[in-house]
Amino acid sequence: MYNWLQFIANRYQVQTHAFVFMPNHVHIIIKLYENENGLNKIISNGKRFLAYELTKRLKASCKTDLLERLSAACTEKEKAKGQKHKVFELSFDAKPIFSTAFLHQKIDYIHHNPVMGKWSLCSDFTIYPHSSAAFYHLSKPHEYVAIADYRDFWTDINQIKPVSLF
């Protein structure tokens, strides 16, 4: 995930404003600039990139049972097209952000996700290492992600249309 965020920042000039990586899902708030590479293309390329990397690591770790499950998830049509593993769901949920209230709600939600409900991945959301929470709450840069502080860019939220992915 970290490599993908770096890649889309460099290749597509996508800014990452907030994120959290969870065991089975990801939340990110990014800003896309208008260009020929829309959100669908960026996400589909990312899923492909991540799927290849994941299956490569599973093979290197001899996780044949998991690779077999991912292979069995492919439909016959997908297999005919050359797909060997189904790593991701086909869709994703994207919500445009048009107000600072909605932005703050989403950032608060994603930052607290590791300590909520069934997850309990840590006791304090600001110390979860796979999140931008420490950047915003402790002024601590993230080791792997160049976080673009939304407060530096979103002076007039109605003129800029970032995208939140859930």
Protein backbone atom coordinates (compact mmCIF):
# COMPACT_ATOMS: atom_id res chain seq x y z
CA MET A 1 0.00 0.00 0.00
CA TYR A 2 2.79 2.40 0.84
CA ASN A 3 4.46 1.82 -2.54
CA TRP A 4 1.15 2.36 -4.31
CA LEU A 5 0.53 5.69 -2.55
CA GLN A 6 4.03 6.80 -3.53
CA PHE A 7 3.45 5.63 -7.10
CA ILE A 8 0.16 7.51 -7.58
CA ALA A 9 1.69 10.62 -6.02
CA ASN A 10 4.54 10.54 -8.53
CA ARG A 11 2.69 9.25 -11.59
CA TYR A 12 -0.69 11.00 -11.26
CA GLN A 13 0.10 13.88 -8.87
CA VAL A 14 -2.40 12.47 -6.36
CA GLN A 15 -2.15 13.98 -2.89
CA THR A 16 -2.81 11.78 0.13
CA HIS A 17 -4.51 13.77 2.87
CA ALA A 18 -5.47 10.97 5.29
CA PHE A 19 -5.38 7.19 5.39
CA VAL A 20 -5.62 4.06 7.48
CA PHE A 21 -4.69 0.54 6.41
CA MET A 22 -6.77 -2.12 8.12
CA PRO A 23 -6.40 -5.93 7.98
CA ASN A 24 -9.04 -6.33 5.25
CA HIS A 25 -9.71 -2.83 3.92
CA VAL A 26 -8.26 0.60 3.38
CA HIS A 27 -9.59 4.13 3.87
CA ILE A 28 -7.88 7.00 2.09
CA ILE A 29 -8.69 10.61 1.43
CA ILE A 30 -6.92 11.78 -1.68
CA LYS A 31 -7.08 14.73 -4.01
CA LEU A 32 -7.05 14.09 -7.74
CA TYR A 33 -6.30 16.73 -10.29
CA GLU A 34 -8.32 16.81 -13.48
CA ASN A 35 -6.46 14.75 -16.10
CA GLU A 36 -6.94 11.80 -18.40
CA ASN A 37 -6.38 9.33 -15.54
CA GLY A 38 -9.63 9.23 -13.61
CA LEU A 39 -10.27 7.64 -10.26
CA ASN A 40 -11.44 4.32 -11.76
CA LYS A 41 -8.21 3.91 -13.72
CA ILE A 42 -6.03 4.81 -10.75
CA ILE A 43 -7.87 2.38 -8.46
CA SER A 44 -7.93 -0.47 -11.00
CA ASN A 45 -4.20 -0.05 -11.67
CA GLY A 46 -3.60 0.02 -7.92
CA LYS A 47 -5.59 -3.14 -7.34
CA ARG A 48 -3.65 -4.90 -10.11
CA PHE A 49 -0.31 -3.68 -8.69
CA LEU A 50 -1.26 -4.76 -5.15
CA ALA A 51 -2.64 -8.14 -6.28
CA TYR A 52 0.59 -9.02 -8.11
CA GLU A 53 2.67 -7.98 -5.11
CA LEU A 54 0.48 -9.90 -2.67
CA THR A 55 0.47 -13.11 -4.70
CA LYS A 56 4.25 -12.83 -5.20
CA ARG A 57 4.72 -12.58 -1.43
CA LEU A 58 2.30 -15.45 -0.77
CA LYS A 59 4.23 -17.64 -3.21
CA ALA A 60 7.55 -16.70 -1.59
CA SER A 61 6.06 -17.60 1.81
CA CYS A 62 4.70 -20.91 0.48
CA LYS A 63 1.13 -19.96 1.44
CA THR A 64 -0.35 -22.38 -1.10
CA ASP A 65 -3.60 -22.81 0.83
CA LEU A 66 -4.37 -19.10 0.60
CA LEU A 67 -3.26 -18.93 -3.05
CA GLU A 68 -5.61 -21.83 -3.84
CA ARG A 69 -8.51 -19.98 -2.16
CA LEU A 70 -7.75 -16.85 -4.18
CA SER A 71 -7.56 -18.92 -7.34
CA ALA A 72 -10.85 -20.69 -6.60
CA ALA A 73 -12.53 -17.28 -6.26
CA CYS A 74 -11.96 -16.57 -9.97
CA THR A 75 -14.86 -17.21 -12.30
CA GLU A 76 -14.36 -19.28 -15.44
CA LYS A 77 -14.62 -16.09 -17.50
CA GLU A 78 -11.86 -14.45 -15.44
CA LYS A 79 -9.67 -17.54 -15.77
CA ALA A 80 -10.22 -17.54 -19.55
CA LYS A 81 -8.89 -13.97 -19.62
CA GLY A 82 -5.76 -15.12 -17.78
CA GLN A 83 -6.62 -14.06 -14.25
CA LYS A 84 -5.10 -16.48 -11.76
CA HIS A 85 -6.24 -15.03 -8.43
CA LYS A 86 -9.09 -12.87 -7.20
CA VAL A 87 -7.63 -10.66 -4.51
CA PHE A 88 -10.02 -7.69 -4.44
CA GLU A 89 -13.72 -7.06 -4.74
CA LEU A 90 -14.65 -5.51 -8.07
CA SER A 91 -16.05 -2.28 -6.68
CA PHE A 92 -14.97 0.42 -4.28
CA ASP A 93 -16.86 3.15 -2.51
CA ALA A 94 -15.86 6.73 -3.35
CA LYS A 95 -17.50 9.80 -1.91
CA PRO A 96 -16.72 13.35 -3.03
CA ILE A 97 -16.08 15.78 -0.21
CA PHE A 98 -17.79 19.14 -0.54
CA SER A 99 -17.75 20.47 3.03
CA THR A 100 -15.25 20.74 5.85
CA ALA A 101 -17.79 19.17 8.21
CA PHE A 102 -17.95 16.04 6.03
CA LEU A 103 -14.16 16.03 5.65
CA HIS A 104 -13.65 16.19 9.41
CA GLN A 105 -16.23 13.45 9.95
CA LYS A 106 -14.43 11.13 7.51
CA ILE A 107 -10.96 11.86 8.87
CA ASP A 108 -12.17 11.25 12.42
CA TYR A 109 -13.83 8.00 11.35
CA ILE A 110 -10.80 6.60 9.52
CA HIS A 111 -8.36 7.59 12.25
CA HIS A 112 -10.47 5.91 14.93
CA ASN A 113 -11.11 2.78 12.85
CA PRO A 114 -8.22 0.77 14.41
CA VAL A 115 -9.63 1.13 17.93
CA MET A 116 -13.31 0.65 17.07
CA GLY A 117 -15.53 -2.40 17.35
CA LYS A 118 -14.08 -5.75 16.44
CA TRP A 119 -10.67 -4.40 15.47
CA SER A 120 -9.05 -3.18 18.68
CA LEU A 121 -5.69 -3.09 16.91
CA CYS A 122 -4.27 -0.66 19.48
CA SER A 123 -5.39 1.22 22.55
CA ASP A 124 -4.68 4.72 21.22
CA PHE A 125 -5.56 5.58 17.62
CA THR A 126 -2.65 8.05 17.37
CA ILE A 127 -0.06 5.28 17.75
CA TYR A 128 -1.46 2.94 15.08
CA PRO A 129 1.45 2.82 12.61
CA HIS A 130 -0.58 2.41 9.41
CA SER A 131 -2.48 5.67 9.70
CA SER A 132 -2.13 9.41 9.24
CA ALA A 133 -3.51 10.05 12.76
CA ALA A 134 -0.10 10.78 14.32
CA PHE A 135 0.54 13.34 11.57
CA TYR A 136 -2.56 15.34 12.48
CA HIS A 137 -2.72 14.74 16.24
CA LEU A 138 0.96 14.55 17.22
CA SER A 139 2.55 16.56 14.35
CA LYS A 140 4.59 13.48 13.49
CA PRO A 141 5.44 12.87 9.81
CA HIS A 142 4.65 9.40 8.54
CA GLU A 143 7.65 7.22 7.77
CA TYR A 144 6.37 6.01 4.37
CA VAL A 145 3.67 8.40 3.17
CA ALA A 146 4.06 12.03 2.19
CA ILE A 147 0.89 13.40 3.73
CA ALA A 148 -0.41 16.63 2.21
CA ASP A 149 -1.97 18.48 5.13
CA TYR A 150 -5.50 19.30 4.02
CA ARG A 151 -5.40 22.47 6.13
CA ASP A 152 -2.73 23.88 3.81
CA PHE A 153 -4.81 23.30 0.68
CA TRP A 154 -8.49 23.46 1.54
CA THR A 155 -9.04 27.07 2.35
CA ASP A 156 -12.17 27.07 0.22
CA ILE A 157 -13.43 23.49 0.28
CA ASN A 158 -16.14 24.18 -2.28
CA GLN A 159 -13.58 24.90 -5.01
CA ILE A 160 -11.56 21.70 -4.50
CA LYS A 161 -13.11 18.28 -4.88
CA PRO A 162 -11.04 15.64 -3.09
CA VAL A 163 -12.23 12.06 -3.05
CA SER A 164 -12.64 9.87 -0.02
CA LEU A 165 -12.35 6.14 -0.62
CA PHE A 166 -14.01 3.68 1.68
